[in-house]
C-alpha atoms as a PDB file:
ATOM      1  CA  UNK A   1     -26.818  -7.381   3.984  1.00  0.00           C
ATOM      2  CA  UNK A   2     -24.058  -8.776   6.190  1.00  0.00           C
ATOM      3  CA  UNK A   3     -25.306 -12.401   5.771  1.00  0.00           C
ATOM      4  CA  UNK A   4     -24.593 -12.306   1.998  1.00  0.00           C
ATOM      5  CA  UNK A   5     -21.467 -13.238   0.371  1.00  0.00           C
ATOM      6  CA  UNK A   6     -19.149 -10.196  -0.303  1.00  0.00           C
ATOM      7  CA  UNK A   7     -19.261  -8.861  -3.876  1.00  0.00           C
ATOM      8  CA  UNK A   8     -15.645  -7.774  -3.568  1.00  0.00           C
ATOM      9  CA  UNK A   9     -12.832  -9.528  -1.713  1.00  0.00           C
ATOM     10  CA  UNK A  10      -9.426  -7.875  -1.601  1.00  0.00           C
ATOM     11  CA  UNK A  11      -6.476  -9.759   0.016  1.00  0.00           C
ATOM     12  CA  UNK A  12      -2.866  -8.651   0.267  1.00  0.00           C
ATOM     13  CA  UNK A  13      -3.250  -6.053  -2.512  1.00  0.00           C
ATOM     14  CA  UNK A  14       0.109  -4.399  -3.373  1.00  0.00           C
ATOM     15  CA  UNK A  15       0.672  -1.753  -5.991  1.00  0.00           C
ATOM     16  CA  UNK A  16       4.217  -0.674  -6.475  1.00  0.00           C
ATOM     17  CA  UNK A  17       5.603   1.860  -9.071  1.00  0.00           C
ATOM     18  CA  UNK A  18       9.287   1.596  -9.969  1.00  0.00           C
ATOM     19  CA  UNK A  19      10.621   5.154 -10.403  1.00  0.00           C
ATOM     20  CA  UNK A  20      14.231   4.043 -11.032  1.00  0.00           C
ATOM     21  CA  UNK A  21      16.476   1.028 -10.617  1.00  0.00           C
ATOM     22  CA  UNK A  22      17.129   2.145  -6.978  1.00  0.00           C
ATOM     23  CA  UNK A  23      13.712   3.632  -5.999  1.00  0.00           C
ATOM     24  CA  UNK A  24      10.214   2.176  -5.883  1.00  0.00           C
ATOM     25  CA  UNK A  25       7.011   3.708  -4.600  1.00  0.00           C
ATOM     26  CA  UNK A  26       5.006   1.370  -2.442  1.00  0.00           C
ATOM     27  CA  UNK A  27       1.617   3.174  -3.112  1.00  0.00           C
ATOM     28  CA  UNK A  28      -0.433   0.275  -1.745  1.00  0.00           C
ATOM     29  CA  UNK A  29       1.298  -2.248   0.579  1.00  0.00           C
ATOM     30  CA  UNK A  30      -0.816  -5.266   1.501  1.00  0.00           C
ATOM     31  CA  UNK A  31      -4.405  -4.232   1.869  1.00  0.00           C
ATOM     32  CA  UNK A  32      -7.288  -6.447   2.885  1.00  0.00           C
ATOM     33  CA  UNK A  33     -11.016  -5.623   2.879  1.00  0.00           C
ATOM     34  CA  UNK A  34     -14.397  -6.915   1.606  1.00  0.00           C
ATOM     35  CA  UNK A  35     -17.464  -5.076   0.318  1.00  0.00           C
ATOM     36  CA  UNK A  36     -20.998  -6.538   0.562  1.00  0.00           C
ATOM     37  CA  UNK A  37     -23.752  -6.226  -1.999  1.00  0.00           C
ATOM     38  CA  UNK A  38     -25.850  -3.022  -1.687  1.00  0.00           C
ATOM     39  CA  UNK A  39     -23.604  -1.285   0.837  1.00  0.00           C
ATOM     40  CA  UNK A  40     -21.304   1.791   0.564  1.00  0.00           C
ATOM     41  CA  UNK A  41     -17.693   1.297   1.689  1.00  0.00           C
ATOM     42  CA  UNK A  42     -15.894   4.485   2.352  1.00  0.00           C
ATOM     43  CA  UNK A  43     -12.141   4.736   1.874  1.00  0.00           C
ATOM     44  CA  UNK A  44     -10.571   7.787   3.538  1.00  0.00           C
ATOM     45  CA  UNK A  45      -7.079   9.112   4.077  1.00  0.00           C
ATOM     46  CA  UNK A  46      -4.887  12.075   3.283  1.00  0.00           C
ATOM     47  CA  UNK A  47      -3.610  12.895  -0.187  1.00  0.00           C
ATOM     48  CA  UNK A  48      -1.017  10.353  -1.233  1.00  0.00           C
ATOM     49  CA  UNK A  49      -2.240   7.573   0.995  1.00  0.00           C
ATOM     50  CA  UNK A  50      -3.098   5.289  -1.871  1.00  0.00           C
ATOM     51  CA  UNK A  51      -6.966   5.689  -2.032  1.00  0.00           C
ATOM     52  CA  UNK A  52      -7.293   6.372  -5.780  1.00  0.00           C
ATOM     53  CA  UNK A  53      -4.550   3.820  -6.627  1.00  0.00           C
ATOM     54  CA  UNK A  54      -6.628   1.110  -4.919  1.00  0.00           C
ATOM     55  CA  UNK A  55      -9.618   2.118  -7.068  1.00  0.00           C
ATOM     56  CA  UNK A  56      -7.675   2.104 -10.280  1.00  0.00           C
ATOM     57  CA  UNK A  57      -6.000  -1.287  -9.301  1.00  0.00           C
ATOM     58  CA  UNK A  58      -9.527  -2.836  -8.636  1.00  0.00           C
ATOM     59  CA  UNK A  59     -10.910  -1.787 -12.051  1.00  0.00           C
ATOM     60  CA  UNK A  60      -7.658  -2.853 -13.658  1.00  0.00           C
ATOM     61  CA  UNK A  61      -6.454   0.471 -14.925  1.00  0.00           C
ATOM     62  CA  UNK A  62      -3.289  -0.614 -13.144  1.00  0.00           C
ATOM     63  CA  UNK A  63      -2.090  -4.280 -13.065  1.00  0.00           C
ATOM     64  CA  UNK A  64      -1.658  -5.089  -9.373  1.00  0.00           C
ATOM     65  CA  UNK A  65       1.865  -5.874  -8.264  1.00  0.00           C
ATOM     66  CA  UNK A  66       0.619  -8.670  -5.860  1.00  0.00           C
ATOM     67  CA  UNK A  67      -2.436  -9.773  -4.035  1.00  0.00           C
ATOM     68  CA  UNK A  68      -5.829 -11.362  -4.758  1.00  0.00           C
ATOM     69  CA  UNK A  69      -8.981  -9.561  -6.079  1.00  0.00           C
ATOM     70  CA  UNK A  70     -12.234 -11.476  -6.233  1.00  0.00           C
ATOM     71  CA  UNK A  71     -15.087  -9.615  -7.781  1.00  0.00           C
ATOM     72  CA  UNK A  72     -18.634 -11.227  -8.040  1.00  0.00           C
ATOM     73  CA  UNK A  73     -16.996 -14.734  -8.073  1.00  0.00           C
ATOM     74  CA  UNK A  74     -14.335 -13.809 -10.633  1.00  0.00           C
ATOM     75  CA  UNK A  75     -10.615 -13.656 -10.009  1.00  0.00           C
ATOM     76  CA  UNK A  76      -9.515 -10.360 -11.586  1.00  0.00           C
ATOM     77  CA  UNK A  77      -6.035 -10.274 -10.065  1.00  0.00           C
ATOM     78  CA  UNK A  78      -3.913 -11.346 -13.026  1.00  0.00           C
ATOM     79  CA  UNK A  79      -4.415 -11.985 -16.693  1.00  0.00           C
ATOM     80  CA  UNK A  80      -8.060 -12.239 -17.509  1.00  0.00           C
ATOM     81  CA  UNK A  81      -9.715 -14.138 -20.305  1.00  0.00           C
ATOM     82  CA  UNK A  82     -12.067 -12.271 -22.713  1.00  0.00           C
ATOM     83  CA  UNK A  83     -15.282 -13.339 -20.921  1.00  0.00           C
ATOM     84  CA  UNK A  84     -13.998 -12.211 -17.447  1.00  0.00           C
ATOM     85  CA  UNK A  85     -12.709  -8.908 -18.923  1.00  0.00           C
ATOM     86  CA  UNK A  86     -15.999  -8.233 -20.622  1.00  0.00           C
ATOM     87  CA  UNK A  87     -17.905  -8.924 -17.389  1.00  0.00           C
ATOM     88  CA  UNK A  88     -15.549  -6.691 -15.411  1.00  0.00           C
ATOM     89  CA  UNK A  89     -15.978  -3.758 -17.882  1.00  0.00           C
ATOM     90  CA  UNK A  90     -19.779  -3.949 -17.648  1.00  0.00           C
ATOM     91  CA  UNK A  91     -20.288  -4.988 -13.968  1.00  0.00           C
ATOM     92  CA  UNK A  92     -17.777  -2.581 -12.463  1.00  0.00           C
ATOM     93  CA  UNK A  93     -17.719   1.148 -13.365  1.00  0.00           C
ATOM     94  CA  UNK A  94     -15.796   4.199 -12.079  1.00  0.00           C
ATOM     95  CA  UNK A  95     -16.848   7.871 -11.480  1.00  0.00           C
ATOM     96  CA  UNK A  96     -13.711  10.056 -11.791  1.00  0.00           C
ATOM     97  CA  UNK A  97     -12.666  13.052  -9.712  1.00  0.00           C
ATOM     98  CA  UNK A  98     -12.577  15.777 -12.283  1.00  0.00           C
ATOM     99  CA  UNK A  99     -15.990  16.130 -13.922  1.00  0.00           C
ATOM    100  CA  UNK A 100     -14.497  18.080 -16.892  1.00  0.00           C
ATOM    101  CA  UNK A 101     -11.285  16.219 -17.647  1.00  0.00           C
ATOM    102  CA  UNK A 102     -12.990  12.756 -17.820  1.00  0.00           C
ATOM    103  CA  UNK A 103     -15.564  13.866 -20.497  1.00  0.00           C
ATOM    104  CA  UNK A 104     -14.570  14.171 -24.144  1.00  0.00           C
ATOM    105  CA  UNK A 105     -15.105  17.865 -25.017  1.00  0.00           C
ATOM    106  CA  UNK A 106     -15.673  16.933 -28.700  1.00  0.00           C
ATOM    107  CA  UNK A 107     -18.540  14.582 -28.039  1.00  0.00           C
ATOM    108  CA  UNK A 108     -22.103  15.352 -27.135  1.00  0.00           C
ATOM    109  CA  UNK A 109     -23.342  14.199 -23.767  1.00  0.00           C
ATOM    110  CA  UNK A 110     -25.649  11.590 -25.336  1.00  0.00           C
ATOM    111  CA  UNK A 111     -22.629   9.926 -27.027  1.00  0.00           C
ATOM    112  CA  UNK A 112     -20.516  10.091 -23.910  1.00  0.00           C
ATOM    113  CA  UNK A 113     -23.181   8.373 -21.781  1.00  0.00           C
ATOM    114  CA  UNK A 114     -23.879   5.747 -24.435  1.00  0.00           C
ATOM    115  CA  UNK A 115     -20.234   4.857 -25.029  1.00  0.00           C
ATOM    116  CA  UNK A 116     -20.359   1.748 -22.890  1.00  0.00           C
ATOM    117  CA  UNK A 117     -23.607   0.635 -24.596  1.00  0.00           C
ATOM    118  CA  UNK A 118     -21.893   1.046 -28.036  1.00  0.00           C
ATOM    119  CA  UNK A 119     -18.795  -0.854 -27.066  1.00  0.00           C
ATOM    120  CA  UNK A 120     -20.642  -3.839 -25.567  1.00  0.00           C
ATOM    121  CA  UNK A 121     -23.559  -3.724 -27.933  1.00  0.00           C
ATOM    122  CA  UNK A 122     -26.158  -3.449 -25.174  1.00  0.00           C
ATOM    123  CA  UNK A 123     -29.032  -2.303 -27.321  1.00  0.00           C
ATOM    124  CA  UNK A 124     -30.867  -3.559 -30.472  1.00  0.00           C
ATOM    125  CA  UNK A 125     -32.026  -0.461 -32.164  1.00  0.00           C
ATOM    126  CA  UNK A 126     -31.026   3.261 -32.256  1.00  0.00           C
ATOM    127  CA  UNK A 127     -34.448   4.070 -30.676  1.00  0.00           C
ATOM    128  CA  UNK A 128     -33.662   1.754 -27.791  1.00  0.00           C
ATOM    129  CA  UNK A 129     -30.253   3.364 -27.343  1.00  0.00           C
ATOM    130  CA  UNK A 130     -31.813   6.916 -27.366  1.00  0.00           C
ATOM    131  CA  UNK A 131     -34.446   5.815 -24.865  1.00  0.00           C
ATOM    132  CA  UNK A 132     -31.876   4.320 -22.379  1.00  0.00           C
ATOM    133  CA  UNK A 133     -29.784   7.611 -22.535  1.00  0.00           C
ATOM    134  CA  UNK A 134     -32.923   9.772 -21.966  1.00  0.00           C
ATOM    135  CA  UNK A 135     -34.042   7.549 -19.096  1.00  0.00           C
ATOM    136  CA  UNK A 136     -30.639   7.771 -17.412  1.00  0.00           C
ATOM    137  CA  UNK A 137     -30.496  11.563 -17.882  1.00  0.00           C
ATOM    138  CA  UNK A 138     -33.876  11.839 -16.108  1.00  0.00           C
ATOM    139  CA  UNK A 139     -32.646   9.690 -13.282  1.00  0.00           C
ATOM    140  CA  UNK A 140     -29.675  11.862 -12.565  1.00  0.00           C
ATOM    141  CA  UNK A 141     -31.799  14.960 -12.719  1.00  0.00           C
ATOM    142  CA  UNK A 142     -31.033  16.265 -16.144  1.00  0.00           C
ATOM    143  CA  UNK A 143     -33.323  16.905 -19.136  1.00  0.00           C
ATOM    144  CA  UNK A 144     -33.283  14.311 -22.025  1.00  0.00           C
ATOM    145  CA  UNK A 145     -32.768  17.269 -24.371  1.00  0.00           C
ATOM    146  CA  UNK A 146     -29.347  17.728 -22.717  1.00  0.00           C
ATOM    147  CA  UNK A 147     -28.170  14.785 -24.699  1.00  0.00           C
ATOM    148  CA  UNK A 148     -27.447  16.993 -27.682  1.00  0.00           C
ATOM    149  CA  UNK A 149     -25.219  19.507 -25.695  1.00  0.00           C
ATOM    150  CA  UNK A 150     -21.513  19.402 -25.093  1.00  0.00           C
ATOM    151  CA  UNK A 151     -19.819  19.113 -21.697  1.00  0.00           C
ATOM    152  CA  UNK A 152     -18.672  22.801 -21.685  1.00  0.00           C
ATOM    153  CA  UNK A 153     -22.277  23.824 -21.792  1.00  0.00           C
ATOM    154  CA  UNK A 154     -22.884  22.364 -18.228  1.00  0.00           C
ATOM    155  CA  UNK A 155     -21.938  23.521 -14.695  1.00  0.00           C
ATOM    156  CA  UNK A 156     -19.522  21.307 -12.667  1.00  0.00           C
ATOM    157  CA  UNK A 157     -22.312  19.590 -10.741  1.00  0.00           C
ATOM    158  CA  UNK A 158     -24.141  18.825 -13.933  1.00  0.00           C
ATOM    159  CA  UNK A 159     -21.029  17.456 -15.564  1.00  0.00           C
ATOM    160  CA  UNK A 160     -20.627  15.122 -12.553  1.00  0.00           C
ATOM    161  CA  UNK A 161     -24.177  13.963 -12.956  1.00  0.00           C
ATOM    162  CA  UNK A 162     -23.236  13.138 -16.647  1.00  0.00           C
ATOM    163  CA  UNK A 163     -20.315  11.089 -15.235  1.00  0.00           C
ATOM    164  CA  UNK A 164     -22.657   9.258 -12.852  1.00  0.00           C
ATOM    165  CA  UNK A 165     -25.134   8.530 -15.780  1.00  0.00           C
ATOM    166  CA  UNK A 166     -22.268   7.115 -17.955  1.00  0.00           C
ATOM    167  CA  UNK A 167     -21.311   4.749 -15.099  1.00  0.00           C
ATOM    168  CA  UNK A 168     -24.810   3.736 -14.156  1.00  0.00           C
ATOM    169  CA  UNK A 169     -26.225   3.174 -17.670  1.00  0.00           C
ATOM    170  CA  UNK A 170     -24.197  -0.022 -17.693  1.00  0.00           C
ATOM    171  CA  UNK A 171     -26.298  -1.244 -14.669  1.00  0.00           C
ATOM    172  CA  UNK A 172     -23.083  -2.113 -12.747  1.00  0.00           C
ATOM    173  CA  UNK A 173     -22.886  -4.155  -9.592  1.00  0.00           C
ATOM    174  CA  UNK A 174     -20.076  -2.039  -8.173  1.00  0.00           C
ATOM    175  CA  UNK A 175     -19.415   1.636  -8.735  1.00  0.00           C
ATOM    176  CA  UNK A 176     -15.967   3.156  -7.610  1.00  0.00           C
ATOM    177  CA  UNK A 177     -16.489   6.829  -6.807  1.00  0.00           C
ATOM    178  CA  UNK A 178     -12.992   8.293  -6.809  1.00  0.00           C
ATOM    179  CA  UNK A 179     -13.090  11.693  -5.057  1.00  0.00           C
ATOM    180  CA  UNK A 180     -16.274  12.399  -7.206  1.00  0.00           C
ATOM    181  CA  UNK A 181     -17.374  15.431  -5.183  1.00  0.00           C
ATOM    182  CA  UNK A 182     -14.072  17.034  -4.195  1.00  0.00           C
ATOM    183  CA  UNK A 183     -14.056  19.429  -7.145  1.00  0.00           C
ATOM    184  CA  UNK A 184     -17.516  20.698  -6.543  1.00  0.00           C
ATOM    185  CA  UNK A 185     -18.974  23.378  -4.269  1.00  0.00           C
ATOM    186  CA  UNK A 186     -20.294  22.265  -0.915  1.00  0.00           C
ATOM    187  CA  UNK A 187     -23.902  22.774  -1.832  1.00  0.00           C
ATOM    188  CA  UNK A 188     -23.415  20.836  -5.044  1.00  0.00           C
ATOM    189  CA  UNK A 189     -21.615  18.117  -3.145  1.00  0.00           C
ATOM    190  CA  UNK A 190     -24.677  17.457  -1.026  1.00  0.00           C
ATOM    191  CA  UNK A 191     -26.876  17.259  -4.206  1.00  0.00           C
ATOM    192  CA  UNK A 192     -24.590  14.698  -5.817  1.00  0.00           C
ATOM    193  CA  UNK A 193     -24.300  12.528  -2.779  1.00  0.00           C
ATOM    194  CA  UNK A 194     -28.019  12.505  -2.237  1.00  0.00           C
ATOM    195  CA  UNK A 195     -28.472  11.604  -5.893  1.00  0.00           C
ATOM    196  CA  UNK A 196     -26.089   8.743  -5.420  1.00  0.00           C
ATOM    197  CA  UNK A 197     -27.990   7.535  -2.331  1.00  0.00           C
ATOM    198  CA  UNK A 198     -31.341   7.768  -4.129  1.00  0.00           C
ATOM    199  CA  UNK A 199     -29.916   5.759  -7.106  1.00  0.00           C
ATOM    200  CA  UNK A 200     -28.512   3.177  -4.799  1.00  0.00           C
ATOM    201  CA  UNK A 201     -31.939   2.727  -3.109  1.00  0.00           C
ATOM    202  CA  UNK A 202     -33.520   2.241  -6.642  1.00  0.00           C
ATOM    203  CA  UNK A 203     -30.915  -0.065  -8.213  1.00  0.00           C
ATOM    204  CA  UNK A 204     -29.205  -1.765  -5.220  1.00  0.00           C
ATOM    205  CA  UNK A 205     -25.835  -0.744  -6.614  1.00  0.00           C
ATOM    206  CA  UNK A 206     -22.785  -1.166  -4.417  1.00  0.00           C
ATOM    207  CA  UNK A 207     -20.406   1.821  -3.921  1.00  0.00           C
ATOM    208  CA  UNK A 208     -16.693   2.169  -3.021  1.00  0.00           C
ATOM    209  CA  UNK A 209     -16.687   5.770  -1.991  1.00  0.00           C
ATOM    210  CA  UNK A 210     -13.149   7.209  -1.970  1.00  0.00           C
ATOM    211  CA  UNK A 211     -12.859  10.640  -0.342  1.00  0.00           C
ATOM    212  CA  UNK A 212     -10.919  12.670   2.254  1.00  0.00           C
ATOM    213  CA  UNK A 213     -13.992  14.589   3.658  1.00  0.00           C
ATOM    214  CA  UNK A 214     -14.844  12.443   6.740  1.00  0.00           C
ATOM    215  CA  UNK A 215     -18.175  14.135   7.370  1.00  0.00           C
ATOM    216  CA  UNK A 216     -19.369  13.284   3.963  1.00  0.00           C
ATOM    217  CA  UNK A 217     -18.062   9.729   4.172  1.00  0.00           C
ATOM    218  CA  UNK A 218     -19.884   9.341   7.447  1.00  0.00           C
ATOM    219  CA  UNK A 219     -23.079  10.441   5.812  1.00  0.00           C
ATOM    220  CA  UNK A 220     -22.932   8.121   2.796  1.00  0.00           C
ATOM    221  CA  UNK A 221     -21.029   5.086   4.091  1.00  0.00           C
ATOM    222  CA  UNK A 222     -22.058   1.873   5.938  1.00  0.00           C
ATOM    223  CA  UNK A 223     -18.440   0.896   6.661  1.00  0.00           C
ATOM    224  CA  UNK A 224     -15.188   2.894   6.565  1.00  0.00           C
ATOM    225  CA  UNK A 225     -11.577   1.948   5.909  1.00  0.00           C
ATOM    226  CA  UNK A 226      -8.827   4.462   6.993  1.00  0.00           C
ATOM    227  CA  UNK A 227      -5.814   4.341   4.798  1.00  0.00           C
ATOM    228  CA  UNK A 228      -2.404   5.713   5.650  1.00  0.00           C
ATOM    229  CA  UNK A 229       0.843   5.429   3.494  1.00  0.00           C
ATOM    230  CA  UNK A 230      -0.688   2.459   1.540  1.00  0.00           C
ATOM    231  CA  UNK A 231      -1.778   0.517   4.651  1.00  0.00           C
ATOM    232  CA  UNK A 232      -5.444   0.114   5.890  1.00  0.00           C
ATOM    233  CA  UNK A 233      -4.892   1.003   9.531  1.00  0.00           C
ATOM    234  CA  UNK A 234      -8.434   0.799  10.856  1.00  0.00           C
ATOM    235  CA  UNK A 235     -11.766  -0.361   9.362  1.00  0.00           C
ATOM    236  CA  UNK A 236     -15.237  -0.842  10.866  1.00  0.00           C
ATOM    237  CA  UNK A 237     -18.858   0.493  10.634  1.00  0.00           C
ATOM    238  CA  UNK A 238     -19.217   4.237  10.670  1.00  0.00           C
ATOM    239  CA  UNK A 239     -20.378   4.184  14.245  1.00  0.00           C
ATOM    240  CA  UNK A 240     -17.430   2.059  15.343  1.00  0.00           C
ATOM    241  CA  UNK A 241     -15.012   4.418  13.656  1.00  0.00           C
ATOM    242  CA  UNK A 242     -16.535   7.631  14.792  1.00  0.00           C
ATOM    243  CA  UNK A 243     -17.453   6.596  18.325  1.00  0.00           C
ATOM    244  CA  UNK A 244     -14.554   4.422  19.184  1.00  0.00           C
ATOM    245  CA  UNK A 245     -11.440   5.319  17.074  1.00  0.00           C
ATOM    246  CA  UNK A 246      -8.460   3.358  18.173  1.00  0.00           C
ATOM    247  CA  UNK A 247      -5.605   4.036  15.798  1.00  0.00           C
ATOM    248  CA  UNK A 248      -3.868   7.376  16.558  1.00  0.00           C
ATOM    249  CA  UNK A 249      -4.114   8.379  12.824  1.00  0.00           C
ATOM    250  CA  UNK A 250      -7.833   7.844  12.789  1.00  0.00           C
ATOM    251  CA  UNK A 251      -8.192   9.935  15.927  1.00  0.00           C
ATOM    252  CA  UNK A 252      -6.091  12.638  14.329  1.00  0.00           C
ATOM    253  CA  UNK A 253      -8.456  12.739  11.263  1.00  0.00           C
ATOM    254  CA  UNK A 254     -11.505  12.885  13.316  1.00  0.00           C
ATOM    255  CA  UNK A 255     -10.084  15.656  15.533  1.00  0.00           C
ATOM    256  CA  UNK A 256      -9.578  17.805  12.416  1.00  0.00           C
ATOM    257  CA  UNK A 257     -13.359  17.845  11.533  1.00  0.00           C
ATOM    258  CA  UNK A 258     -14.737  21.294  12.193  1.00  0.00           C
ATOM    259  CA  UNK A 259     -17.780  21.536  14.534  1.00  0.00           C
ATOM    260  CA  UNK A 260     -20.823  23.580  13.530  1.00  0.00           C
ATOM    261  CA  UNK A 261     -21.297  24.896  17.000  1.00  0.00           C
ATOM    262  CA  UNK A 262     -18.920  27.927  17.564  1.00  0.00           C
ATOM    263  CA  UNK A 263     -18.584  27.218  21.344  1.00  0.00           C
ATOM    264  CA  UNK A 264     -17.642  23.529  20.615  1.00  0.00           C
ATOM    265  CA  UNK A 265     -15.378  24.568  17.758  1.00  0.00           C
ATOM    266  CA  UNK A 266     -13.552  27.098  19.943  1.00  0.00           C
ATOM    267  CA  UNK A 267     -12.614  24.206  22.335  1.00  0.00           C
ATOM    268  CA  UNK A 268     -11.694  21.677  19.678  1.00  0.00           C
ATOM    269  CA  UNK A 269      -8.074  20.484  19.742  1.00  0.00           C
ATOM    270  CA  UNK A 270      -6.702  18.900  16.611  1.00  0.00           C
ATOM    271  CA  UNK A 271      -4.414  15.987  17.359  1.00  0.00           C
ATOM    272  CA  UNK A 272      -1.288  15.417  15.313  1.00  0.00           C
ATOM    273  CA  UNK A 273       0.144  12.025  14.372  1.00  0.00           C
ATOM    274  CA  UNK A 274       3.740  11.381  13.347  1.00  0.00           C
ATOM    275  CA  UNK A 275       4.187   7.633  12.779  1.00  0.00           C
ATOM    276  CA  UNK A 276       7.993   7.933  12.550  1.00  0.00           C
ATOM    277  CA  UNK A 277       8.262   9.808  15.924  1.00  0.00           C
ATOM    278  CA  UNK A 278       5.957   7.163  17.487  1.00  0.00           C
ATOM    279  CA  UNK A 279       8.117   4.352  16.034  1.00  0.00           C
ATOM    280  CA  UNK A 280       5.242   2.695  14.239  1.00  0.00           C
ATOM    281  CA  UNK A 281       6.122   0.219  11.462  1.00  0.00           C
ATOM    282  CA  UNK A 282       3.001  -0.805   9.615  1.00  0.00           C
ATOM    283  CA  UNK A 283       4.752  -3.886   8.196  1.00  0.00           C
ATOM    284  CA  UNK A 284       5.166  -5.349  11.672  1.00  0.00           C
ATOM    285  CA  UNK A 285       1.513  -4.954  12.572  1.00  0.00           C
ATOM    286  CA  UNK A 286      -1.308  -7.484  12.150  1.00  0.00           C
ATOM    287  CA  UNK A 287      -5.095  -7.055  11.991  1.00  0.00           C
ATOM    288  CA  UNK A 288      -6.702  -7.217  15.469  1.00  0.00           C
ATOM    289  CA  UNK A 289     -10.449  -7.781  15.798  1.00  0.00           C
ATOM    290  CA  UNK A 290     -12.004  -5.306  18.218  1.00  0.00           C
ATOM    291  CA  UNK A 291     -15.582  -6.597  18.026  1.00  0.00           C
ATOM    292  CA  UNK A 292     -18.279  -6.332  15.387  1.00  0.00           C
ATOM    293  CA  UNK A 293     -16.774  -5.201  12.075  1.00  0.00           C
ATOM    294  CA  UNK A 294     -14.003  -3.201  13.824  1.00  0.00           C
ATOM    295  CA  UNK A 295     -10.346  -4.080  12.989  1.00  0.00           C
ATOM    296  CA  UNK A 296      -7.060  -2.212  13.643  1.00  0.00           C
ATOM    297  CA  UNK A 297      -3.600  -2.727  12.286  1.00  0.00           C
ATOM    298  CA  UNK A 298      -1.175  -2.862  15.188  1.00  0.00           C
ATOM    299  CA  UNK A 299       1.402  -4.878  17.151  1.00  0.00           C
ATOM    300  CA  UNK A 300       0.209  -6.232  20.467  1.00  0.00           C
ATOM    301  CA  UNK A 301       2.104  -3.566  22.309  1.00  0.00           C
ATOM    302  CA  UNK A 302       0.674  -0.771  20.096  1.00  0.00           C
ATOM    303  CA  UNK A 303      -2.741  -2.123  20.519  1.00  0.00           C
ATOM    304  CA  UNK A 304      -2.548  -2.049  24.297  1.00  0.00           C
ATOM    305  CA  UNK A 305      -1.175   1.563  24.273  1.00  0.00           C
ATOM    306  CA  UNK A 306      -3.720   2.791  21.781  1.00  0.00           C
ATOM    307  CA  UNK A 307      -6.630   1.004  23.511  1.00  0.00           C
ATOM    308  CA  UNK A 308      -5.748   2.629  26.802  1.00  0.00           C
ATOM    309  CA  UNK A 309      -5.411   6.085  25.124  1.00  0.00           C
ATOM    310  CA  UNK A 310      -8.741   5.711  23.384  1.00  0.00           C
ATOM    311  CA  UNK A 311     -10.369   4.708  26.719  1.00  0.00           C
ATOM    312  CA  UNK A 312      -8.951   7.761  28.400  1.00  0.00           C
ATOM    313  CA  UNK A 313     -10.120  10.090  25.623  1.00  0.00           C
ATOM    314  CA  UNK A 314     -13.577   8.639  25.960  1.00  0.00           C
ATOM    315  CA  UNK A 315     -13.763   9.544  29.629  1.00  0.00           C
END
C-alpha cells in the first residue's frame, strides 16, 4: 500500500472565513498530508480544530483560500472544468455527521440512495437502478424492502447506514466520513465502524475518517493526523502516535482516554496543554521527520524539549 502513489495529496491547505472587515477566522492554516489507496486516514482533534472544514474543503463544499489539492491525478484546488468536477462528484463522497439532518424527510430511502445515480445517469433502465439500490441496501445490512420507507421510520444507526449506502453506491475511490458515528450510541458506533471496515475490505475504498474519539480512530485507522487550531501538529501510523506521542497536545489527548481497568483508570492522570502558556507559535514551526511515517510540527528548540519529555514519560 505504501509503495503506491497517494490518491490524495494536500499541500499548504488554508481555509479562512472573513467575519468582518477587521476579523478573519483561520479555520485551517497550512495543512499538508497524503492518503494512500485502500487505507484509512484518521483526522482527530478537539471541536473547532478544523477537522470538518478540511473535509468540506476537500470535497469542494468550500472553495479553499489557498493551497494545492491533488485527487487521483486531478488538480481540484481552484476552478474546475466540467469533466474534472464530474469525476470529483462521482469519485469522492461524504458521509455526514447527523444521520437525520442529511436525509431529505420527504423522500423515500430508495430515492435518497439513488440520487447520485440519477444525477450522473449511471444506469440504463429503471430495473437496473432498483437492483443497484437493493444490492447496496443489503451490503449495509438493511432489507431491500426498506427502499420504500421514509427516514423517520428508521433508528439513528439505520439512518447512518442509509447515508453510507448513498455514498458507496457511486463506487467512490475516497469517502470522507465526517464525525459519522458521534451522534450514535456506543454499541451502534461499533456496528457502523465494523460495517465500514467490511465494505472497505470488499471494495478497496479509501477513507478519511474524521472524529474526536481516539479509541475508535485507533481501531479503524492505518495512519492518524492530529489537528489543533487549524494546524496538523503530528501525524504517523497509529502505532507511532499511540506508542510514541511527541507533541504535548497529542499526549494530552491520549492521556484523556479512559482505561477499561478500574485500577489503571484510578491512577490515570490527564495532562493539560495550553499552547499560549507554553509560548508555542505553530506558524514558526516546521515539519520534522521522526522516522517511518512519523512527523511533528515544531521549532528545533521545541522538538528537543518535547522529545526529552516524551522519553522521560516512556521510562
